[in-house]
């Protein structure tokens, strides 16, 4: 089944509740919560709060939009995974390292 939604990073300047209100007003199904601003990796309290207000609004969490880059060793994937699990995101968006999509 296909669900409609948006990525929260489209509205970086807004708070999660404001994004939820816009998604509900637009009659969309869910949100991919971004890890750069709205749900940073490792901030599990925030992830739990964002999950709860999203679900309370009757919306789906479509995925966790991480900024984890595959193949780079400077950061651990564990905080990303823990945050996605706390958020109850069914998928995690990752980046293919620093290579362009044709090379990756």
Protein backbone atom coordinates (compact mmCIF):
# COMPACT_ATOMS: atom_id res chain seq x y z
CA UNK A 1 0.00 0.00 0.00
CA UNK A 2 1.22 3.48 -0.84
CA UNK A 3 1.03 6.22 1.79
CA UNK A 4 1.39 9.95 1.31
CA UNK A 5 3.66 12.13 3.38
CA UNK A 6 6.60 14.47 3.48
CA UNK A 7 10.09 14.72 4.91
CA UNK A 8 10.43 16.98 7.91
CA UNK A 9 13.62 18.55 6.56
CA UNK A 10 11.46 20.34 3.99
CA UNK A 11 10.49 22.50 6.95
CA UNK A 12 13.76 22.76 8.88
CA UNK A 13 12.73 26.01 10.57
CA UNK A 14 9.53 24.53 12.04
CA UNK A 15 9.13 22.56 15.25
CA UNK A 16 7.80 18.97 15.07
CA UNK A 17 4.32 19.96 16.29
CA UNK A 18 4.06 22.61 13.57
CA UNK A 19 5.03 20.05 10.93
CA UNK A 20 2.49 17.58 12.28
CA UNK A 21 -0.21 20.25 12.06
CA UNK A 22 0.70 20.97 8.42
CA UNK A 23 0.70 17.28 7.49
CA UNK A 24 -2.69 16.77 9.11
CA UNK A 25 -4.09 19.88 7.43
CA UNK A 26 -2.84 18.63 4.05
CA UNK A 27 -4.55 15.28 4.74
CA UNK A 28 -1.31 13.34 4.30
CA UNK A 29 -0.56 10.02 5.99
CA UNK A 30 2.84 10.44 7.56
CA UNK A 31 6.27 11.95 8.02
CA UNK A 32 9.88 10.95 7.47
CA UNK A 33 11.53 12.56 10.49
CA UNK A 34 14.95 14.01 9.70
CA UNK A 35 17.96 13.36 11.88
CA UNK A 36 19.68 16.65 11.22
CA UNK A 37 17.25 18.94 13.03
CA UNK A 38 14.03 17.37 14.31
CA UNK A 39 15.18 13.99 15.68
CA UNK A 40 18.97 14.03 16.13
CA UNK A 41 20.63 10.63 16.58
CA UNK A 42 21.18 9.69 20.20
CA UNK A 43 18.52 12.02 21.62
CA UNK A 44 16.15 9.23 22.61
CA UNK A 45 13.94 11.39 24.83
CA UNK A 46 13.24 13.67 21.89
CA UNK A 47 12.64 10.69 19.57
CA UNK A 48 10.11 9.27 22.02
CA UNK A 49 8.32 12.62 22.30
CA UNK A 50 8.19 13.11 18.53
CA UNK A 51 6.91 9.56 18.08
CA UNK A 52 4.15 10.14 20.61
CA UNK A 53 2.89 13.44 19.20
CA UNK A 54 2.98 11.98 15.68
CA UNK A 55 0.94 8.93 16.67
CA UNK A 56 -1.41 11.03 18.81
CA UNK A 57 -2.18 13.10 15.70
CA UNK A 58 -3.14 9.90 13.85
CA UNK A 59 -0.11 10.03 11.55
CA UNK A 60 2.42 7.39 10.50
CA UNK A 61 6.15 7.59 10.88
CA UNK A 62 7.24 6.53 7.43
CA UNK A 63 10.99 6.47 8.06
CA UNK A 64 13.94 8.01 9.86
CA UNK A 65 15.93 10.27 7.55
CA UNK A 66 19.44 9.81 8.88
CA UNK A 67 22.50 11.56 7.59
CA UNK A 68 24.62 8.47 8.16
CA UNK A 69 27.06 7.92 5.30
CA UNK A 70 27.91 4.30 4.51
CA UNK A 71 31.56 3.38 4.56
CA UNK A 72 32.68 6.32 6.64
CA UNK A 73 34.32 5.33 9.89
CA UNK A 74 34.10 8.58 11.85
CA UNK A 75 30.61 7.90 13.17
CA UNK A 76 28.88 4.90 14.69
CA UNK A 77 25.60 3.60 13.29
CA UNK A 78 24.38 2.59 16.77
CA UNK A 79 22.93 6.01 17.78
CA UNK A 80 21.10 6.17 14.44
CA UNK A 81 19.65 2.69 14.95
CA UNK A 82 18.67 3.36 18.58
CA UNK A 83 16.94 6.59 17.58
CA UNK A 84 15.06 4.95 14.71
CA UNK A 85 13.90 2.15 17.02
CA UNK A 86 12.76 4.65 19.66
CA UNK A 87 10.96 6.63 16.96
CA UNK A 88 9.40 3.33 15.77
CA UNK A 89 10.47 4.11 12.21
CA UNK A 90 10.08 1.09 9.90
CA UNK A 91 13.02 2.18 7.70
CA UNK A 92 16.18 4.29 7.92
CA UNK A 93 17.37 6.42 5.02
CA UNK A 94 21.17 6.40 4.71
CA UNK A 95 23.57 8.00 2.25
CA UNK A 96 25.91 6.04 -0.03
CA UNK A 97 29.06 7.55 1.44
CA UNK A 98 30.60 10.47 -0.38
CA UNK A 99 30.24 9.02 -3.87
CA UNK A 100 27.71 10.16 -6.40
CA UNK A 101 24.81 7.80 -7.10
CA UNK A 102 26.32 6.63 -10.40
CA UNK A 103 29.56 5.55 -8.67
CA UNK A 104 27.79 4.01 -5.67
